[in-house]
């Protein structure tokens, strides 16, 4: 289940294409609003979204 503020990636259907990354703004009844890295927002229904992998810092 996606939550507001969660970092996500939209999976692509083309091999070799990098997934779009963004942050969940709202979760509605069957829809998710996402703000993408480029600043655009989308309201998606049935999109292939997954939580973004956690980045690990080296210290």
PDB file of N, CA and C in Angstrom:
ATOM      1  N   UNK A   1       0.837  -1.186   0.000  1.00  0.00           N
ATOM      2  CA  UNK A   1       0.000   0.000   0.000  1.00  0.00           C
ATOM      3  C   UNK A   1       0.880   1.247   0.000  1.00  0.00           C
ATOM      4  N   UNK A   2       0.638   2.137  -0.926  1.00  0.00           N
ATOM      5  CA  UNK A   2       1.409   3.374  -1.013  1.00  0.00           C
ATOM      6  C   UNK A   2       0.873   4.388  -0.015  1.00  0.00           C
ATOM      7  N   UNK A   3       1.788   5.237   0.485  1.00  0.00           N
ATOM      8  CA  UNK A   3       1.422   6.248   1.470  1.00  0.00           C
ATOM      9  C   UNK A   3       1.916   7.617   1.020  1.00  0.00           C
ATOM     10  N   UNK A   4       1.244   8.657   1.489  1.00  0.00           N
ATOM     11  CA  UNK A   4       1.653  10.030   1.212  1.00  0.00           C
ATOM     12  C   UNK A   4       3.091  10.237   1.677  1.00  0.00           C
ATOM     13  N   UNK A   5       3.901  10.862   0.825  1.00  0.00           N
ATOM     14  CA  UNK A   5       5.298  11.129   1.153  1.00  0.00           C
ATOM     15  C   UNK A   5       6.262  10.023   0.762  1.00  0.00           C
ATOM     16  N   UNK A   6       5.728   8.889   0.322  1.00  0.00           N
ATOM     17  CA  UNK A   6       6.571   7.748  -0.048  1.00  0.00           C
ATOM     18  C   UNK A   6       7.225   7.985  -1.409  1.00  0.00           C
ATOM     19  N   UNK A   7       8.497   7.639  -1.531  1.00  0.00           N
ATOM     20  CA  UNK A   7       9.216   7.718  -2.806  1.00  0.00           C
ATOM     21  C   UNK A   7       8.885   6.469  -3.617  1.00  0.00           C
ATOM     22  N   UNK A   8       8.532   6.663  -4.888  1.00  0.00           N
ATOM     23  CA  UNK A   8       8.119   5.561  -5.749  1.00  0.00           C
ATOM     24  C   UNK A   8       8.817   5.646  -7.101  1.00  0.00           C
ATOM     25  N   UNK A   9       8.744   4.541  -7.823  1.00  0.00           N
ATOM     26  CA  UNK A   9       9.201   4.471  -9.209  1.00  0.00           C
ATOM     27  C   UNK A   9       8.066   3.909 -10.046  1.00  0.00           C
ATOM     28  N   UNK A  10       7.908   4.459 -11.250  1.00  0.00           N
ATOM     29  CA  UNK A  10       6.938   3.924 -12.198  1.00  0.00           C
ATOM     30  C   UNK A  10       7.680   2.986 -13.132  1.00  0.00           C
ATOM     31  N   UNK A  11       7.327   1.726 -13.095  1.00  0.00           N
ATOM     32  CA  UNK A  11       7.987   0.742 -13.943  1.00  0.00           C
ATOM     33  C   UNK A  11       7.623   0.985 -15.400  1.00  0.00           C
ATOM     34  N   UNK A  12       8.564   0.716 -16.275  1.00  0.00           N
ATOM     35  CA  UNK A  12       8.352   0.922 -17.703  1.00  0.00           C
ATOM     36  C   UNK A  12       8.107  -0.408 -18.394  1.00  0.00           C
ATOM     37  N   UNK A  13       7.562  -0.318 -19.574  1.00  0.00           N
ATOM     38  CA  UNK A  13       7.314  -1.529 -20.359  1.00  0.00           C
ATOM     39  C   UNK A  13       8.362  -1.719 -21.436  1.00  0.00           C
ATOM     40  N   UNK A  14       9.330  -0.794 -21.501  1.00  0.00           N
ATOM     41  CA  UNK A  14      10.390  -0.877 -22.505  1.00  0.00           C
ATOM     42  C   UNK A  14      11.691  -1.292 -21.840  1.00  0.00           C
ATOM     43  N   UNK A  15      12.331  -2.270 -22.424  1.00  0.00           N
ATOM     44  CA  UNK A  15      13.601  -2.765 -21.900  1.00  0.00           C
ATOM     45  C   UNK A  15      14.661  -1.675 -22.001  1.00  0.00           C
ATOM     46  N   UNK A  16      15.434  -1.519 -20.949  1.00  0.00           N
ATOM     47  CA  UNK A  16      16.525  -0.563 -20.943  1.00  0.00           C
ATOM     48  C   UNK A  16      16.133   0.858 -20.583  1.00  0.00           C
ATOM     49  N   UNK A  17      14.858   1.112 -20.406  1.00  0.00           N
ATOM     50  CA  UNK A  17      14.408   2.458 -20.050  1.00  0.00           C
ATOM     51  C   UNK A  17      14.383   2.609 -18.533  1.00  0.00           C
ATOM     52  N   UNK A  18      14.946   3.704 -18.035  1.00  0.00           N
ATOM     53  CA  UNK A  18      15.004   3.966 -16.603  1.00  0.00           C
ATOM     54  C   UNK A  18      13.614   4.345 -16.084  1.00  0.00           C
ATOM     55  N   UNK A  19      13.188   3.784 -14.951  1.00  0.00           N
ATOM     56  CA  UNK A  19      11.872   4.141 -14.414  1.00  0.00           C
ATOM     57  C   UNK A  19      11.833   5.590 -13.938  1.00  0.00           C
ATOM     58  N   UNK A  20      10.642   6.218 -14.045  1.00  0.00           N
ATOM     59  CA  UNK A  20      10.462   7.568 -13.496  1.00  0.00           C
ATOM     60  C   UNK A  20      10.379   7.469 -11.984  1.00  0.00           C
ATOM     61  N   UNK A  21      10.940   8.456 -11.306  1.00  0.00           N
ATOM     62  CA  UNK A  21      10.910   8.480  -9.846  1.00  0.00           C
ATOM     63  C   UNK A  21      10.142   9.702  -9.383  1.00  0.00           C
ATOM     64  N   UNK A  22       9.429   9.543  -8.261  1.00  0.00           N
ATOM     65  CA  UNK A  22       8.671  10.655  -7.710  1.00  0.00           C
ATOM     66  C   UNK A  22       8.259  10.398  -6.279  1.00  0.00           C
ATOM     67  N   UNK A  23       7.426  11.306  -5.768  1.00  0.00           N
ATOM     68  CA  UNK A  23       6.936  11.234  -4.396  1.00  0.00           C
ATOM     69  C   UNK A  23       5.412  11.250  -4.428  1.00  0.00           C
ATOM     70  N   UNK A  24       4.782  10.376  -3.645  1.00  0.00           N
ATOM     71  CA  UNK A  24       3.330  10.311  -3.563  1.00  0.00           C
ATOM     72  C   UNK A  24       2.811  11.553  -2.836  1.00  0.00           C
ATOM     73  N   UNK A  25       1.876  12.273  -3.482  1.00  0.00           N
ATOM     74  CA  UNK A  25       1.255  13.442  -2.865  1.00  0.00           C
ATOM     75  C   UNK A  25      -0.050  13.075  -2.177  1.00  0.00           C
ATOM     76  N   UNK A  26      -0.891  12.296  -2.871  1.00  0.00           N
ATOM     77  CA  UNK A  26      -2.161  11.854  -2.296  1.00  0.00           C
ATOM     78  C   UNK A  26      -2.477  10.446  -2.783  1.00  0.00           C
ATOM     79  N   UNK A  27      -3.234   9.740  -1.972  1.00  0.00           N
ATOM     80  CA  UNK A  27      -3.730   8.414  -2.339  1.00  0.00           C
ATOM     81  C   UNK A  27      -5.243   8.472  -2.223  1.00  0.00           C
ATOM     82  N   UNK A  28      -5.935   8.210  -3.333  1.00  0.00           N
ATOM     83  CA  UNK A  28      -7.388   8.252  -3.346  1.00  0.00           C
ATOM     84  C   UNK A  28      -7.961   6.865  -3.562  1.00  0.00           C
ATOM     85  N   UNK A  29      -9.222   6.827  -3.909  1.00  0.00           N
ATOM     86  CA  UNK A  29      -9.915   5.565  -4.153  1.00  0.00           C
ATOM     87  C   UNK A  29      -9.532   5.053  -5.540  1.00  0.00           C
ATOM     88  N   UNK A  30      -8.437   4.290  -5.607  1.00  0.00           N
ATOM     89  CA  UNK A  30      -7.975   3.734  -6.874  1.00  0.00           C
ATOM     90  C   UNK A  30      -7.045   4.640  -7.657  1.00  0.00           C
ATOM     91  N   UNK A  31      -6.707   5.807  -7.113  1.00  0.00           N
ATOM     92  CA  UNK A  31      -5.790   6.720  -7.791  1.00  0.00           C
ATOM     93  C   UNK A  31      -4.655   7.136  -6.861  1.00  0.00           C
ATOM     94  N   UNK A  32      -3.566   7.556  -7.476  1.00  0.00           N
ATOM     95  CA  UNK A  32      -2.405   8.054  -6.733  1.00  0.00           C
ATOM     96  C   UNK A  32      -1.911   9.299  -7.465  1.00  0.00           C
ATOM     97  N   UNK A  33      -1.680  10.380  -6.723  1.00  0.00           N
ATOM     98  CA  UNK A  33      -1.098  11.588  -7.308  1.00  0.00           C
ATOM     99  C   UNK A  33       0.381  11.605  -6.967  1.00  0.00           C
ATOM    100  N   UNK A  34       1.218  11.761  -7.994  1.00  0.00           N
ATOM    101  CA  UNK A  34       2.670  11.694  -7.823  1.00  0.00           C
ATOM    102  C   UNK A  34       3.313  12.962  -8.378  1.00  0.00           C
ATOM    103  N   UNK A  35       4.282  13.524  -7.645  1.00  0.00           N
ATOM    104  CA  UNK A  35       5.120  14.607  -8.166  1.00  0.00           C
ATOM    105  C   UNK A  35       6.425  13.972  -8.603  1.00  0.00           C
ATOM    106  N   UNK A  36       6.737  14.089  -9.903  1.00  0.00           N
ATOM    107  CA  UNK A  36       7.922  13.465 -10.474  1.00  0.00           C
ATOM    108  C   UNK A  36       9.155  14.322 -10.241  1.00  0.00           C
ATOM    109  N   UNK A  37      10.331  13.728 -10.453  1.00  0.00           N
ATOM    110  CA  UNK A  37      11.610  14.425 -10.276  1.00  0.00           C
ATOM    111  C   UNK A  37      11.689  15.728 -11.061  1.00  0.00           C
ATOM    112  N   UNK A  38      11.045  15.777 -12.223  1.00  0.00           N
ATOM    113  CA  UNK A  38      11.119  16.973 -13.071  1.00  0.00           C
ATOM    114  C   UNK A  38      10.135  18.067 -12.653  1.00  0.00           C
ATOM    115  N   UNK A  39       9.360  17.829 -11.578  1.00  0.00           N
ATOM    116  CA  UNK A  39       8.435  18.831 -11.065  1.00  0.00           C
ATOM    117  C   UNK A  39       6.999  18.673 -11.532  1.00  0.00           C
ATOM    118  N   UNK A  40       6.757  17.863 -12.553  1.00  0.00           N
ATOM    119  CA  UNK A  40       5.401  17.626 -13.036  1.00  0.00           C
ATOM    120  C   UNK A  40       4.647  16.726 -12.061  1.00  0.00           C
ATOM    121  N   UNK A  41       3.317  16.820 -12.086  1.00  0.00           N
ATOM    122  CA  UNK A  41       2.496  15.921 -11.280  1.00  0.00           C
ATOM    123  C   UNK A  41       1.569  15.131 -12.192  1.00  0.00           C
ATOM    124  N   UNK A  42       1.213  13.929 -11.745  1.00  0.00           N
ATOM    125  CA  UNK A  42       0.296  13.062 -12.477  1.00  0.00           C
ATOM    126  C   UNK A  42      -0.663  12.423 -11.492  1.00  0.00           C
ATOM    127  N   UNK A  43      -1.904  12.220 -11.934  1.00  0.00           N
ATOM    128  CA  UNK A  43      -2.856  11.418 -11.178  1.00  0.00           C
ATOM    129  C   UNK A  43      -2.982  10.109 -11.943  1.00  0.00           C
ATOM    130  N   UNK A  44      -2.600   9.026 -11.294  1.00  0.00           N
ATOM    131  CA  UNK A  44      -2.502   7.730 -11.957  1.00  0.00           C
ATOM    132  C   UNK A  44      -3.538   6.754 -11.432  1.00  0.00           C
ATOM    133  N   UNK A  45      -4.016   5.901 -12.314  1.00  0.00           N
ATOM    134  CA  UNK A  45      -4.919   4.819 -11.958  1.00  0.00           C
ATOM    135  C   UNK A  45      -4.431   3.572 -12.676  1.00  0.00           C
ATOM    136  N   UNK A  46      -4.116   2.546 -11.937  1.00  0.00           N
ATOM    137  CA  UNK A  46      -3.646   1.310 -12.543  1.00  0.00           C
ATOM    138  C   UNK A  46      -2.200   1.361 -12.995  1.00  0.00           C
ATOM    139  N   UNK A  47      -1.446   2.324 -12.502  1.00  0.00           N
ATOM    140  CA  UNK A  47      -0.036   2.439 -12.888  1.00  0.00           C
ATOM    141  C   UNK A  47       0.796   1.371 -12.192  1.00  0.00           C
ATOM    142  N   UNK A  48       1.916   1.045 -12.803  1.00  0.00           N
ATOM    143  CA  UNK A  48       2.836   0.079 -12.216  1.00  0.00           C
ATOM    144  C   UNK A  48       3.842   0.825 -11.340  1.00  0.00           C
ATOM    145  N   UNK A  49       3.437   1.114 -10.104  1.00  0.00           N
ATOM    146  CA  UNK A  49       4.298   1.826  -9.166  1.00  0.00           C
ATOM    147  C   UNK A  49       4.861   0.859  -8.140  1.00  0.00           C
ATOM    148  N   UNK A  50       6.096   1.134  -7.732  1.00  0.00           N
ATOM    149  CA  UNK A  50       6.695   0.350  -6.653  1.00  0.00           C
ATOM    150  C   UNK A  50       7.449   1.321  -5.744  1.00  0.00           C
ATOM    151  N   UNK A  51       7.603   0.958  -4.482  1.00  0.00           N
ATOM    152  CA  UNK A  51       8.426   1.798  -3.605  1.00  0.00           C
ATOM    153  C   UNK A  51       9.835   1.895  -4.176  1.00  0.00           C
ATOM    154  N   UNK A  52      10.417   3.080  -4.121  1.00  0.00           N
ATOM    155  CA  UNK A  52      11.780   3.280  -4.619  1.00  0.00           C
ATOM    156  C   UNK A  52      12.760   2.570  -3.705  1.00  0.00           C
ATOM    157  N   UNK A  53      13.813   2.002  -4.273  1.00  0.00           N
ATOM    158  CA  UNK A  53      14.819   1.350  -3.434  1.00  0.00           C
ATOM    159  C   UNK A  53      15.461   2.362  -2.494  1.00  0.00           C
ATOM    160  N   UNK A  54      15.782   1.919  -1.290  1.00  0.00           N
ATOM    161  CA  UNK A  54      16.428   2.782  -0.306  1.00  0.00           C
ATOM    162  C   UNK A  54      17.863   3.030  -0.718  1.00  0.00           C
ATOM    163  N   UNK A  55      18.279   4.284  -0.659  1.00  0.00           N
ATOM    164  CA  UNK A  55      19.675   4.612  -0.943  1.00  0.00           C
ATOM    165  C   UNK A  55      20.481   4.387   0.320  1.00  0.00           C
ATOM    166  N   UNK A  56      21.667   3.838   0.154  1.00  0.00           N
ATOM    167  CA  UNK A  56      22.542   3.635   1.303  1.00  0.00           C
ATOM    168  C   UNK A  56      23.701   4.600   1.200  1.00  0.00           C
ATOM    169  N   UNK A  57      23.980   5.255   2.297  1.00  0.00           N
ATOM    170  CA  UNK A  57      25.094   6.188   2.308  1.00  0.00           C
ATOM    171  C   UNK A  57      26.369   5.480   2.702  1.00  0.00           C
ATOM    172  N   UNK A  58      27.476   5.921   2.152  1.00  0.00           N
ATOM    173  CA  UNK A  58      28.750   5.331   2.546  1.00  0.00           C
ATOM    174  C   UNK A  58      29.424   6.290   3.501  1.00  0.00           C
ATOM    175  N   UNK A  59      29.965   5.763   4.607  1.00  0.00           N
ATOM    176  CA  UNK A  59      30.489   6.672   5.581  1.00  0.00           C
ATOM    177  C   UNK A  59      31.744   6.269   6.103  1.00  0.00           C
TER     178      UNK A  59
END
